[in-house]
Protein backbone atom coordinates (compact mmCIF):
# COMPACT_ATOMS: atom_id res chain seq x y z
CA MET A 1 117.82 73.11 21.68
CA PHE A 2 119.85 71.71 19.18
CA SER A 3 121.47 69.58 21.80
CA TYR A 4 117.94 68.43 23.15
CA SER A 5 117.07 67.56 19.46
CA VAL A 6 120.15 65.50 19.09
CA VAL A 7 119.53 63.55 22.36
CA GLY A 8 115.61 63.48 21.30
CA THR A 9 116.33 62.14 17.88
CA GLN A 10 118.82 59.50 19.40
CA LEU A 11 116.14 58.53 22.03
CA TYR A 12 113.46 58.43 19.25
CA THR A 13 115.61 56.51 16.97
CA GLY A 14 116.30 54.02 19.90
CA ASP A 15 112.65 53.79 20.70
CA MET A 16 111.62 53.25 17.47
CA ILE A 17 114.17 50.33 16.97
CA PHE A 18 113.08 48.92 20.35
CA VAL A 19 109.20 49.26 19.18
CA MET A 20 110.05 47.62 15.89
CA ILE A 21 111.92 44.61 17.28
CA SER A 22 109.18 44.32 20.01
CA PHE A 23 106.54 44.50 17.13
CA LEU A 24 108.14 41.97 14.85
CA ILE A 25 108.36 39.73 18.07
CA LEU A 26 104.79 39.97 18.75
CA MET A 27 104.15 39.23 15.46
CA TRP A 28 105.97 36.55 15.28
CA LEU A 29 104.35 34.99 18.70
CA ILE A 30 100.95 35.96 17.07
CA LYS A 31 101.78 33.95 14.23
CA LEU A 32 102.88 30.93 16.19
CA VAL A 33 99.86 31.16 18.67
CA ALA A 34 97.12 32.80 17.28
CA TRP A 35 97.41 33.03 13.50
CA LYS A 36 97.67 29.31 12.38
CA PRO A 37 94.59 28.29 14.92
CA LEU A 38 92.63 31.59 13.40
CA THR A 39 93.26 30.55 9.73
CA LYS A 40 92.49 26.71 10.57
CA MET A 41 89.32 27.96 12.01
CA LEU A 42 88.07 30.35 9.40
CA GLN A 43 89.26 27.54 6.77
CA ASP A 44 87.09 25.25 8.36
CA ARG A 45 84.30 27.72 8.66
CA SER A 46 84.63 27.85 5.03
CA ASP A 47 84.45 24.54 4.33
CA LYS A 48 81.75 24.22 6.23
CA ILE A 49 80.05 26.53 4.73
CA SER A 50 80.93 25.25 1.37
CA ASN A 51 79.77 21.69 2.10
CA ASP A 52 76.28 22.98 3.55
CA ILE A 53 76.07 24.60 0.13
CA ASP A 54 76.75 21.45 -1.66
CA SER A 55 74.61 19.27 0.59
CA ALA A 56 71.91 21.60 0.13
CA GLU A 57 72.16 22.05 -3.55
CA LYS A 58 72.37 17.81 -3.48
CA SER A 59 69.20 17.67 -1.28
CA ARG A 60 67.37 20.18 -3.77
CA THR A 61 68.42 18.11 -6.83
CA GLU A 62 67.33 14.86 -5.06
CA ALA A 63 63.80 16.48 -3.84
CA ALA A 64 63.49 17.62 -7.35
CA ASP A 65 64.09 14.14 -8.68
CA LEU A 66 61.81 12.62 -5.82
CA ALA A 67 59.15 15.18 -6.72
CA SER A 68 59.31 14.30 -10.75
CA LYS A 69 59.44 10.40 -9.91
CA ARG A 70 56.32 11.02 -7.80
CA GLN A 71 54.70 12.93 -10.39
CA ALA A 72 55.41 10.02 -13.03
CA GLU A 73 53.89 7.36 -10.40
CA LEU A 74 50.90 9.56 -9.91
CA GLN A 75 50.35 9.88 -13.83
CA ASN A 76 51.03 5.90 -14.28
CA THR A 77 48.68 5.48 -11.48
CA ARG A 78 45.94 7.32 -12.94
CA GLU A 79 46.54 5.88 -16.17
CA GLU A 80 46.16 2.46 -14.54
CA ALA A 81 43.10 3.41 -12.90
CA SER A 82 41.78 4.92 -16.10
CA GLY A 83 42.35 1.63 -17.72
CA ILE A 84 40.73 -0.58 -14.94
CA ILE A 85 37.73 1.93 -15.19
CA SER A 86 37.75 1.35 -18.82
CA GLN A 87 38.12 -2.44 -18.60
CA ALA A 88 35.19 -2.64 -16.08
CA LYS A 89 32.82 -0.64 -18.20
CA ASP A 90 33.74 -2.90 -21.48
CA SER A 91 33.24 -5.99 -19.35
CA GLY A 92 30.07 -4.40 -17.74
CA GLN A 93 28.90 -3.60 -21.45
CA LYS A 94 29.81 -7.15 -22.59
CA GLN A 95 27.93 -8.42 -19.95
CA ARG A 96 24.54 -6.61 -20.50
CA ASP A 97 24.89 -7.51 -24.05
CA GLN A 98 25.08 -10.93 -23.09
CA ILE A 99 22.17 -10.75 -20.63
CA ILE A 100 20.18 -9.14 -23.21
CA ASN A 101 21.21 -11.65 -26.07
CA ASP A 102 20.37 -14.33 -23.45
CA ALA A 103 16.94 -12.96 -22.63
CA ARG A 104 16.16 -12.44 -26.18
CA GLN A 105 16.99 -16.37 -27.11
CA ASP A 106 15.00 -17.20 -24.25
CA ALA A 107 11.89 -15.00 -25.14
CA SER A 108 12.25 -16.56 -28.94
CA SER A 109 12.44 -19.99 -27.54
CA LEU A 110 9.73 -19.46 -25.14
CA LYS A 111 7.46 -17.88 -27.99
CA SER A 112 8.38 -20.54 -30.10
CA SER A 113 7.47 -23.22 -27.72
CA ALA A 114 4.20 -21.37 -27.25
CA GLU A 115 3.28 -21.33 -30.78
CA GLN A 116 3.90 -24.99 -30.90
CA ASP A 117 2.02 -25.50 -28.06
CA ILE A 118 -0.63 -23.60 -29.33
CA GLU A 119 -0.58 -25.26 -32.72
CA ARG A 120 -0.55 -28.47 -31.14
CA GLU A 121 -3.71 -27.67 -28.91
CA ARG A 122 -5.47 -26.30 -32.14
CA GLN A 123 -4.71 -29.49 -33.88
CA GLU A 124 -5.99 -31.54 -31.40
CA ALA A 125 -9.09 -29.43 -30.67
CA LEU A 126 -9.98 -29.63 -34.39
CA ALA A 127 -9.32 -33.32 -34.48
CA ASN A 128 -11.72 -33.59 -31.37
CA SER A 129 -13.79 -31.33 -32.92
CA LYS A 130 -13.86 -33.28 -36.34
CA LYS A 131 -15.19 -36.31 -34.20
CA ASP A 132 -17.54 -34.31 -32.15
CA VAL A 133 -18.86 -32.39 -35.22
CA ALA A 134 -18.76 -35.72 -37.22
CA SER A 135 -21.20 -37.59 -34.86
CA LEU A 136 -23.16 -34.45 -34.37
CA SER A 137 -23.70 -33.96 -38.12
CA VAL A 138 -24.50 -37.32 -38.32
CA GLU A 139 -27.13 -37.39 -35.85
CA ILE A 140 -28.46 -34.02 -37.20
CA ALA A 141 -28.17 -35.11 -40.83
CA SER A 142 -29.99 -38.37 -40.13
CA LYS A 143 -32.65 -36.36 -38.35
CA ILE A 144 -33.08 -33.79 -40.80
CA ILE A 145 -32.61 -35.98 -43.95
CA SER A 146 -34.52 -38.82 -42.17
CA LYS A 147 -32.98 -41.35 -44.15
CA GLU A 148 -30.17 -43.57 -43.52
CA LEU A 149 -26.61 -42.33 -45.23
CA ASN A 150 -23.94 -44.67 -45.82
CA GLU A 151 -20.84 -44.63 -43.89
CA ASP A 152 -18.60 -43.04 -46.97
CA ASP A 153 -21.02 -39.96 -47.77
CA GLN A 154 -21.07 -39.52 -43.70
CA LYS A 155 -17.13 -39.13 -43.89
CA ALA A 156 -17.36 -36.94 -47.13
CA LEU A 157 -20.11 -34.84 -45.73
CA VAL A 158 -18.09 -34.09 -42.40
CA ASP A 159 -14.86 -33.43 -43.95
CA SER A 160 -16.19 -31.04 -46.04
CA TYR A 161 -17.87 -29.34 -43.24
CA VAL A 162 -14.68 -29.34 -41.13
CA GLU A 163 -12.49 -27.87 -43.94
CA GLY A 164 -15.23 -25.09 -44.14
CA LEU A 165 -14.71 -24.60 -40.30
CA GLY A 166 -11.01 -24.70 -40.71
CA LYS A 167 -10.80 -22.27 -43.56
CA LEU A 168 -13.14 -19.88 -41.44
CA ASN A 169 -10.76 -20.35 -38.21
CA ASP A 170 -7.84 -19.61 -40.24
CA ARG A 171 -9.44 -16.25 -41.64
């Protein structure tokens, strides 16, 4: 047994050296053939993931900026629309006031013109009535009095009568 274990130990040590050398050669071949491409592939994947994360962050930031710009533009548009509406209301109010003012002036002008026409017509009617009344009163007076009046007396009588009529009309 002793001899077998010495021989077995030598075999074992020799096999162990062979396995170790084979392992080292295999590791060196793996390093040459597979390790560099594997690490390059893992590094490329890591870089791609990092770039995707950076790109996503950049896109998120741009989207947030764009959303805030759109919100600001929307607010600006609302303010402009409010200003336009307010300006239109003010303009409409001014036009309404101007139309009302013009209508009042026209009505006042028409009223004044009508009053002047009425006064002129009244004066003409009064003048015509003075003539008519004068001639009628002369005829009536001459028939009633049966005596002839001179022209100055007739005029005085008619004027006093017309003034009395004018005072009655004014009341």
